[in-house]
Amino acid sequence: MGRGRQKAKNTKVARELKYFSPNTDLNALEREIGTNNDDPQYEDKWADLYEDDAEPGEEPGETPAAENTGDSDSSDSGSDGSSSGD
């Protein structure tokens, strides 16, 4: 039964950890971790060889024609030539 005081203490500690935000020295953290930030940004060595999303035989600026929009069947939906309901 004497768990109330311990639970209250744990709740207090958890609340302090949740809402306490100390001023973080990111430079000191970087030194401590040992990361090296001298490397240039990632550069894809294959980026210049291929165009993005270009199909073979297409020009880079050309957009593909719509093959099937789905509107061809909507004009005669419901009338398939058979008589039902007689």
PDB file of N, CA and C in Angstrom:
ATOM      1  N   MET A   1       0.793  -1.197   0.000  1.00  0.00           N
ATOM      2  CA  MET A   1       0.000   0.000   0.000  1.00  0.00           C
ATOM      3  C   MET A   1       0.841   1.269   0.000  1.00  0.00           C
ATOM      4  N   GLY A   2       2.063   1.243   0.349  1.00  0.00           N
ATOM      5  CA  GLY A   2       2.873   2.441   0.457  1.00  0.00           C
ATOM      6  C   GLY A   2       3.495   2.880  -0.859  1.00  0.00           C
ATOM      7  N   ARG A   3       2.850   2.580  -1.959  1.00  0.00           N
ATOM      8  CA  ARG A   3       3.408   2.896  -3.267  1.00  0.00           C
ATOM      9  C   ARG A   3       3.056   4.301  -3.724  1.00  0.00           C
ATOM     10  N   GLY A   4       2.205   5.014  -3.060  1.00  0.00           N
ATOM     11  CA  GLY A   4       1.756   6.333  -3.488  1.00  0.00           C
ATOM     12  C   GLY A   4       2.868   7.360  -3.553  1.00  0.00           C
ATOM     13  N   ARG A   5       3.724   7.394  -2.546  1.00  0.00           N
ATOM     14  CA  ARG A   5       4.809   8.373  -2.511  1.00  0.00           C
ATOM     15  C   ARG A   5       5.823   8.100  -3.619  1.00  0.00           C
ATOM     16  N   GLN A   6       6.162   6.837  -3.839  1.00  0.00           N
ATOM     17  CA  GLN A   6       7.123   6.486  -4.891  1.00  0.00           C
ATOM     18  C   GLN A   6       6.558   6.806  -6.269  1.00  0.00           C
ATOM     19  N   LYS A   7       5.268   6.533  -6.456  1.00  0.00           N
ATOM     20  CA  LYS A   7       4.646   6.833  -7.748  1.00  0.00           C
ATOM     21  C   LYS A   7       4.620   8.335  -7.989  1.00  0.00           C
ATOM     22  N   ALA A   8       4.330   9.111  -6.961  1.00  0.00           N
ATOM     23  CA  ALA A   8       4.309  10.566  -7.100  1.00  0.00           C
ATOM     24  C   ALA A   8       5.703  11.096  -7.430  1.00  0.00           C
ATOM     25  N   LYS A   9       6.714  10.506  -6.820  1.00  0.00           N
ATOM     26  CA  LYS A   9       8.091  10.924  -7.094  1.00  0.00           C
ATOM     27  C   LYS A   9       8.479  10.597  -8.536  1.00  0.00           C
ATOM     28  N   ASN A  10       8.111   9.406  -8.996  1.00  0.00           N
ATOM     29  CA  ASN A  10       8.406   9.021 -10.377  1.00  0.00           C
ATOM     30  C   ASN A  10       7.665   9.910 -11.365  1.00  0.00           C
ATOM     31  N   THR A  11       6.426  10.259 -11.048  1.00  0.00           N
ATOM     32  CA  THR A  11       5.647  11.144 -11.918  1.00  0.00           C
ATOM     33  C   THR A  11       6.292  12.519 -11.995  1.00  0.00           C
ATOM     34  N   LYS A  12       6.777  13.014 -10.858  1.00  0.00           N
ATOM     35  CA  LYS A  12       7.432  14.323 -10.829  1.00  0.00           C
ATOM     36  C   LYS A  12       8.701  14.310 -11.680  1.00  0.00           C
ATOM     37  N   VAL A  13       9.501  13.270 -11.551  1.00  0.00           N
ATOM     38  CA  VAL A  13      10.736  13.165 -12.327  1.00  0.00           C
ATOM     39  C   VAL A  13      10.422  13.061 -13.814  1.00  0.00           C
ATOM     40  N   ALA A  14       9.417  12.271 -14.154  1.00  0.00           N
ATOM     41  CA  ALA A  14       9.050  12.119 -15.564  1.00  0.00           C
ATOM     42  C   ALA A  14       8.560  13.440 -16.145  1.00  0.00           C
ATOM     43  N   ARG A  15       7.785  14.183 -15.373  1.00  0.00           N
ATOM     44  CA  ARG A  15       7.286  15.474 -15.849  1.00  0.00           C
ATOM     45  C   ARG A  15       8.437  16.464 -16.042  1.00  0.00           C
ATOM     46  N   GLU A  16       9.407  16.459 -15.130  1.00  0.00           N
ATOM     47  CA  GLU A  16      10.560  17.354 -15.280  1.00  0.00           C
ATOM     48  C   GLU A  16      11.364  17.006 -16.529  1.00  0.00           C
ATOM     49  N   LEU A  17      11.551  15.719 -16.772  1.00  0.00           N
ATOM     50  CA  LEU A  17      12.295  15.313 -17.961  1.00  0.00           C
ATOM     51  C   LEU A  17      11.546  15.658 -19.240  1.00  0.00           C
ATOM     52  N   LYS A  18      10.229  15.571 -19.198  1.00  0.00           N
ATOM     53  CA  LYS A  18       9.428  15.824 -20.391  1.00  0.00           C
ATOM     54  C   LYS A  18       9.430  17.300 -20.762  1.00  0.00           C
ATOM     55  N   TYR A  19       9.287  18.170 -19.774  1.00  0.00           N
ATOM     56  CA  TYR A  19       9.105  19.591 -20.073  1.00  0.00           C
ATOM     57  C   TYR A  19      10.362  20.428 -19.909  1.00  0.00           C
ATOM     58  N   PHE A  20      11.448  19.874 -19.393  1.00  0.00           N
ATOM     59  CA  PHE A  20      12.679  20.635 -19.228  1.00  0.00           C
ATOM     60  C   PHE A  20      13.487  20.557 -20.515  1.00  0.00           C
ATOM     61  N   SER A  21      13.773  21.698 -21.097  1.00  0.00           N
ATOM     62  CA  SER A  21      14.563  21.714 -22.329  1.00  0.00           C
ATOM     63  C   SER A  21      15.780  22.616 -22.124  1.00  0.00           C
ATOM     64  N   PRO A  22      16.904  22.031 -21.773  1.00  0.00           N
ATOM     65  CA  PRO A  22      18.107  22.839 -21.562  1.00  0.00           C
ATOM     66  C   PRO A  22      18.632  23.381 -22.884  1.00  0.00           C
ATOM     67  N   ASN A  23      19.414  24.437 -22.799  1.00  0.00           N
ATOM     68  CA  ASN A  23      20.057  24.982 -23.999  1.00  0.00           C
ATOM     69  C   ASN A  23      21.129  23.990 -24.445  1.00  0.00           C
ATOM     70  N   THR A  24      20.939  23.435 -25.603  1.00  0.00           N
ATOM     71  CA  THR A  24      21.850  22.418 -26.110  1.00  0.00           C
ATOM     72  C   THR A  24      22.935  23.076 -26.948  1.00  0.00           C
ATOM     73  N   ASP A  25      24.171  22.785 -26.617  1.00  0.00           N
ATOM     74  CA  ASP A  25      25.303  23.280 -27.394  1.00  0.00           C
ATOM     75  C   ASP A  25      25.583  22.258 -28.494  1.00  0.00           C
ATOM     76  N   LEU A  26      25.056  22.527 -29.680  1.00  0.00           N
ATOM     77  CA  LEU A  26      25.170  21.568 -30.775  1.00  0.00           C
ATOM     78  C   LEU A  26      26.607  21.420 -31.260  1.00  0.00           C
ATOM     79  N   ASN A  27      27.389  22.481 -31.169  1.00  0.00           N
ATOM     80  CA  ASN A  27      28.795  22.382 -31.579  1.00  0.00           C
ATOM     81  C   ASN A  27      29.568  21.446 -30.651  1.00  0.00           C
ATOM     82  N   ALA A  28      29.306  21.549 -29.351  1.00  0.00           N
ATOM     83  CA  ALA A  28      29.969  20.654 -28.406  1.00  0.00           C
ATOM     84  C   ALA A  28      29.511  19.215 -28.623  1.00  0.00           C
ATOM     85  N   LEU A  29      28.246  19.040 -28.931  1.00  0.00           N
ATOM     86  CA  LEU A  29      27.734  17.703 -29.203  1.00  0.00           C
ATOM     87  C   LEU A  29      28.384  17.112 -30.450  1.00  0.00           C
ATOM     88  N   GLU A  30      28.556  17.941 -31.465  1.00  0.00           N
ATOM     89  CA  GLU A  30      29.201  17.483 -32.696  1.00  0.00           C
ATOM     90  C   GLU A  30      30.648  17.079 -32.434  1.00  0.00           C
ATOM     91  N   ARG A  31      31.345  17.860 -31.614  1.00  0.00           N
ATOM     92  CA  ARG A  31      32.728  17.513 -31.272  1.00  0.00           C
ATOM     93  C   ARG A  31      32.781  16.213 -30.475  1.00  0.00           C
ATOM     94  N   GLU A  32      31.823  16.044 -29.564  1.00  0.00           N
ATOM     95  CA  GLU A  32      31.816  14.857 -28.728  1.00  0.00           C
ATOM     96  C   GLU A  32      31.529  13.597 -29.539  1.00  0.00           C
ATOM     97  N   ILE A  33      30.604  13.699 -30.453  1.00  0.00           N
ATOM     98  CA  ILE A  33      30.267  12.546 -31.284  1.00  0.00           C
ATOM     99  C   ILE A  33      31.386  12.257 -32.272  1.00  0.00           C
ATOM    100  N   GLY A  34      32.043  13.294 -32.724  1.00  0.00           N
ATOM    101  CA  GLY A  34      33.158  13.110 -33.631  1.00  0.00           C
ATOM    102  C   GLY A  34      32.761  13.111 -35.083  1.00  0.00           C
ATOM    103  N   THR A  35      31.662  13.755 -35.420  1.00  0.00           N
ATOM    104  CA  THR A  35      31.256  13.817 -36.819  1.00  0.00           C
ATOM    105  C   THR A  35      32.107  14.825 -37.555  1.00  0.00           C
ATOM    106  N   ASN A  36      32.348  14.537 -38.807  1.00  0.00           N
ATOM    107  CA  ASN A  36      33.133  15.422 -39.645  1.00  0.00           C
ATOM    108  C   ASN A  36      32.195  16.047 -40.662  1.00  0.00           C
ATOM    109  N   ASN A  37      32.042  17.349 -40.628  1.00  0.00           N
ATOM    110  CA  ASN A  37      31.096  18.043 -41.496  1.00  0.00           C
ATOM    111  C   ASN A  37      31.802  18.677 -42.691  1.00  0.00           C
ATOM    112  N   ASP A  38      33.037  18.231 -42.995  1.00  0.00           N
ATOM    113  CA  ASP A  38      33.794  18.819 -44.097  1.00  0.00           C
ATOM    114  C   ASP A  38      33.445  18.200 -45.443  1.00  0.00           C
ATOM    115  N   ASP A  39      32.758  17.067 -45.441  1.00  0.00           N
ATOM    116  CA  ASP A  39      32.401  16.402 -46.695  1.00  0.00           C
ATOM    117  C   ASP A  39      31.385  17.233 -47.466  1.00  0.00           C
ATOM    118  N   PRO A  40      31.529  17.289 -48.792  1.00  0.00           N
ATOM    119  CA  PRO A  40      30.537  18.026 -49.581  1.00  0.00           C
ATOM    120  C   PRO A  40      29.191  17.304 -49.563  1.00  0.00           C
ATOM    121  N   GLN A  41      28.179  18.010 -49.978  1.00  0.00           N
ATOM    122  CA  GLN A  41      26.836  17.436 -50.060  1.00  0.00           C
ATOM    123  C   GLN A  41      26.869  16.209 -50.971  1.00  0.00           C
ATOM    124  N   TYR A  42      26.017  15.234 -50.711  1.00  0.00           N
ATOM    125  CA  TYR A  42      25.973  14.025 -51.536  1.00  0.00           C
ATOM    126  C   TYR A  42      25.674  14.399 -52.972  1.00  0.00           C
ATOM    127  N   GLU A  43      26.472  13.878 -53.868  1.00  0.00           N
ATOM    128  CA  GLU A  43      26.286  14.160 -55.288  1.00  0.00           C
ATOM    129  C   GLU A  43      26.175  12.834 -56.025  1.00  0.00           C
ATOM    130  N   ASP A  44      25.088  12.668 -56.759  1.00  0.00           N
ATOM    131  CA  ASP A  44      24.856  11.434 -57.495  1.00  0.00           C
ATOM    132  C   ASP A  44      25.719  11.439 -58.749  1.00  0.00           C
ATOM    133  N   LYS A  45      26.638  10.479 -58.844  1.00  0.00           N
ATOM    134  CA  LYS A  45      27.550  10.465 -59.984  1.00  0.00           C
ATOM    135  C   LYS A  45      26.871  10.002 -61.260  1.00  0.00           C
ATOM    136  N   TRP A  46      25.680   9.417 -61.169  1.00  0.00           N
ATOM    137  CA  TRP A  46      24.970   8.938 -62.345  1.00  0.00           C
ATOM    138  C   TRP A  46      23.850   9.887 -62.765  1.00  0.00           C
ATOM    139  N   ALA A  47      23.677  10.996 -62.105  1.00  0.00           N
ATOM    140  CA  ALA A  47      22.542  11.882 -62.368  1.00  0.00           C
ATOM    141  C   ALA A  47      22.586  12.481 -63.768  1.00  0.00           C
ATOM    142  N   ASP A  48      23.749  12.763 -64.301  1.00  0.00           N
ATOM    143  CA  ASP A  48      23.845  13.403 -65.612  1.00  0.00           C
ATOM    144  C   ASP A  48      23.717  12.410 -66.768  1.00  0.00           C
ATOM    145  N   LEU A  49      23.806  11.131 -66.491  1.00  0.00           N
ATOM    146  CA  LEU A  49      23.774  10.149 -67.565  1.00  0.00           C
ATOM    147  C   LEU A  49      22.367   9.854 -68.070  1.00  0.00           C
ATOM    148  N   TYR A  50      21.373   9.948 -67.206  1.00  0.00           N
ATOM    149  CA  TYR A  50      20.009   9.559 -67.578  1.00  0.00           C
ATOM    150  C   TYR A  50      19.036  10.677 -67.246  1.00  0.00           C
ATOM    151  N   GLU A  51      18.023  10.827 -68.092  1.00  0.00           N
ATOM    152  CA  GLU A  51      16.955  11.782 -67.824  1.00  0.00           C
ATOM    153  C   GLU A  51      15.970  11.150 -66.844  1.00  0.00           C
ATOM    154  N   ASP A  52      15.330  11.957 -66.044  1.00  0.00           N
ATOM    155  CA  ASP A  52      14.354  11.449 -65.098  1.00  0.00           C
ATOM    156  C   ASP A  52      13.073  11.055 -65.811  1.00  0.00           C
ATOM    157  N   ASP A  53      12.593   9.856 -65.536  1.00  0.00           N
ATOM    158  CA  ASP A  53      11.303   9.352 -66.023  1.00  0.00           C
ATOM    159  C   ASP A  53      11.156   9.414 -67.539  1.00  0.00           C
ATOM    160  N   ALA A  54      12.208   9.317 -68.283  1.00  0.00           N
ATOM    161  CA  ALA A  54      12.115   9.353 -69.746  1.00  0.00           C
ATOM    162  C   ALA A  54      12.074   7.923 -70.269  1.00  0.00           C
ATOM    163  N   GLU A  55      11.070   7.637 -71.085  1.00  0.00           N
ATOM    164  CA  GLU A  55      10.961   6.332 -71.726  1.00  0.00           C
ATOM    165  C   GLU A  55      11.869   6.309 -72.952  1.00  0.00           C
ATOM    166  N   PRO A  56      12.323   5.151 -73.381  1.00  0.00           N
ATOM    167  CA  PRO A  56      13.145   5.077 -74.591  1.00  0.00           C
ATOM    168  C   PRO A  56      12.366   5.581 -75.802  1.00  0.00           C
ATOM    169  N   GLY A  57      12.956   6.442 -76.589  1.00  0.00           N
ATOM    170  CA  GLY A  57      12.315   6.986 -77.779  1.00  0.00           C
ATOM    171  C   GLY A  57      11.564   8.279 -77.520  1.00  0.00           C
ATOM    172  N   GLU A  58      11.477   8.719 -76.278  1.00  0.00           N
ATOM    173  CA  GLU A  58      10.789   9.970 -75.953  1.00  0.00           C
ATOM    174  C   GLU A  58      11.804  11.093 -75.846  1.00  0.00           C
ATOM    175  N   GLU A  59      11.352  12.277 -76.173  1.00  0.00           N
ATOM    176  CA  GLU A  59      12.167  13.460 -75.929  1.00  0.00           C
ATOM    177  C   GLU A  59      12.022  13.820 -74.447  1.00  0.00           C
ATOM    178  N   PRO A  60      13.016  14.450 -73.838  1.00  0.00           N
ATOM    179  CA  PRO A  60      12.941  14.758 -72.409  1.00  0.00           C
ATOM    180  C   PRO A  60      11.770  15.664 -72.034  1.00  0.00           C
ATOM    181  N   GLY A  61      11.372  16.600 -72.895  1.00  0.00           N
ATOM    182  CA  GLY A  61      10.289  17.505 -72.569  1.00  0.00           C
ATOM    183  C   GLY A  61       8.933  17.017 -73.020  1.00  0.00           C
ATOM    184  N   GLU A  62       8.882  15.894 -73.695  1.00  0.00           N
ATOM    185  CA  GLU A  62       7.644  15.382 -74.266  1.00  0.00           C
ATOM    186  C   GLU A  62       6.851  14.625 -73.211  1.00  0.00           C
ATOM    187  N   THR A  63       5.525  14.854 -73.178  1.00  0.00           N
ATOM    188  CA  THR A  63       4.687  14.124 -72.241  1.00  0.00           C
ATOM    189  C   THR A  63       4.002  12.989 -72.981  1.00  0.00           C
ATOM    190  N   PRO A  64       3.863  11.836 -72.365  1.00  0.00           N
ATOM    191  CA  PRO A  64       3.224  10.706 -73.047  1.00  0.00           C
ATOM    192  C   PRO A  64       1.735  10.965 -73.237  1.00  0.00           C
ATOM    193  N   ALA A  65       1.185  10.477 -74.369  1.00  0.00           N
ATOM    194  CA  ALA A  65      -0.235  10.646 -74.655  1.00  0.00           C
ATOM    195  C   ALA A  65      -1.040   9.713 -73.766  1.00  0.00           C
ATOM    196  N   ALA A  66      -2.239  10.161 -73.402  1.00  0.00           N
ATOM    197  CA  ALA A  66      -3.104   9.339 -72.562  1.00  0.00           C
ATOM    198  C   ALA A  66      -3.624   8.176 -73.392  1.00  0.00           C
ATOM    199  N   GLU A  67      -3.354   6.963 -72.943  1.00  0.00           N
ATOM    200  CA  GLU A  67      -3.746   5.792 -73.712  1.00  0.00           C
ATOM    201  C   GLU A  67      -5.198   5.431 -73.468  1.00  0.00           C
ATOM    202  N   ASN A  68      -5.619   5.389 -72.236  1.00  0.00           N
ATOM    203  CA  ASN A  68      -6.988   4.996 -71.924  1.00  0.00           C
ATOM    204  C   ASN A  68      -7.460   5.837 -70.753  1.00  0.00           C
ATOM    205  N   THR A  69      -8.443   6.667 -70.987  1.00  0.00           N
ATOM    206  CA  THR A  69      -8.945   7.518 -69.919  1.00  0.00           C
ATOM    207  C   THR A  69     -10.112   6.888 -69.199  1.00  0.00           C
ATOM    208  N   GLY A  70     -10.697   5.834 -69.744  1.00  0.00           N
ATOM    209  CA  GLY A  70     -11.805   5.164 -69.099  1.00  0.00           C
ATOM    210  C   GLY A  70     -13.152   5.749 -69.461  1.00  0.00           C
ATOM    211  N   ASP A  71     -13.219   6.753 -70.329  1.00  0.00           N
ATOM    212  CA  ASP A  71     -14.479   7.379 -70.705  1.00  0.00           C
ATOM    213  C   ASP A  71     -15.181   6.636 -71.831  1.00  0.00           C
ATOM    214  N   SER A  72     -14.528   5.720 -72.506  1.00  0.00           N
ATOM    215  CA  SER A  72     -15.125   5.046 -73.657  1.00  0.00           C
ATOM    216  C   SER A  72     -16.280   4.142 -73.247  1.00  0.00           C
ATOM    217  N   ASP A  73     -16.251   3.568 -72.073  1.00  0.00           N
ATOM    218  CA  ASP A  73     -17.309   2.671 -71.631  1.00  0.00           C
ATOM    219  C   ASP A  73     -18.423   3.394 -70.894  1.00  0.00           C
ATOM    220  N   SER A  74     -18.208   4.629 -70.495  1.00  0.00           N
ATOM    221  CA  SER A  74     -19.203   5.313 -69.681  1.00  0.00           C
ATOM    222  C   SER A  74     -20.401   5.784 -70.487  1.00  0.00           C
ATOM    223  N   SER A  75     -20.296   5.921 -71.819  1.00  0.00           N
ATOM    224  CA  SER A  75     -21.404   6.434 -72.617  1.00  0.00           C
ATOM    225  C   SER A  75     -22.534   5.427 -72.739  1.00  0.00           C
ATOM    226  N   ASP A  76     -22.213   4.145 -72.772  1.00  0.00           N
ATOM    227  CA  ASP A  76     -23.274   3.158 -72.920  1.00  0.00           C
ATOM    228  C   ASP A  76     -23.315   2.215 -71.724  1.00  0.00           C
ATOM    229  N   SER A  77     -23.057   2.727 -70.545  1.00  0.00           N
ATOM    230  CA  SER A  77     -23.116   1.875 -69.372  1.00  0.00           C
ATOM    231  C   SER A  77     -24.572   1.622 -69.014  1.00  0.00           C
ATOM    232  N   GLY A  78     -24.892   0.396 -68.764  1.00  0.00           N
ATOM    233  CA  GLY A  78     -26.253   0.047 -68.411  1.00  0.00           C
ATOM    234  C   GLY A  78     -27.064  -0.446 -69.592  1.00  0.00           C
ATOM    235  N   SER A  79     -26.682  -0.138 -70.811  1.00  0.00           N
ATOM    236  CA  SER A  79     -27.416  -0.638 -71.974  1.00  0.00           C
ATOM    237  C   SER A  79     -26.488  -1.529 -72.769  1.00  0.00           C
ATOM    238  N   ASP A  80     -26.596  -2.808 -72.536  1.00  0.00           N
ATOM    239  CA  ASP A  80     -25.722  -3.744 -73.215  1.00  0.00           C
ATOM    240  C   ASP A  80     -26.422  -4.471 -74.354  1.00  0.00           C
ATOM    241  N   GLY A  81     -27.593  -3.996 -74.754  1.00  0.00           N
ATOM    242  CA  GLY A  81     -28.285  -4.588 -75.883  1.00  0.00           C
ATOM    243  C   GLY A  81     -29.232  -5.693 -75.489  1.00  0.00           C
ATOM    244  N   SER A  82     -29.153  -6.150 -74.268  1.00  0.00           N
ATOM    245  CA  SER A  82     -30.067  -7.206 -73.849  1.00  0.00           C
ATOM    246  C   SER A  82     -31.253  -6.586 -73.135  1.00  0.00           C
ATOM    247  N   SER A  83     -32.378  -7.183 -73.322  1.00  0.00           N
ATOM    248  CA  SER A  83     -33.570  -6.655 -72.663  1.00  0.00           C
ATOM    249  C   SER A  83     -33.800  -7.448 -71.398  1.00  0.00           C
ATOM    250  N   SER A  84     -33.836  -6.756 -70.303  1.00  0.00           N
ATOM    251  CA  SER A  84     -34.057  -7.427 -69.037  1.00  0.00           C
ATOM    252  C   SER A  84     -35.238  -6.766 -68.349  1.00  0.00           C
ATOM    253  N   GLY A  85     -35.886  -7.479 -67.526  1.00  0.00           N
ATOM    254  CA  GLY A  85     -37.027  -6.931 -66.811  1.00  0.00           C
ATOM    255  C   GLY A  85     -38.339  -7.151 -67.526  1.00  0.00           C
ATOM    256  N   ASP A  86     -38.422  -8.016 -68.571  1.00  0.00           N
ATOM    257  CA  ASP A  86     -39.681  -8.298 -69.274  1.00  0.00           C
ATOM    258  C   ASP A  86     -40.571  -9.196 -68.503  1.00  0.00           C
TER     259      ASP A  86
END
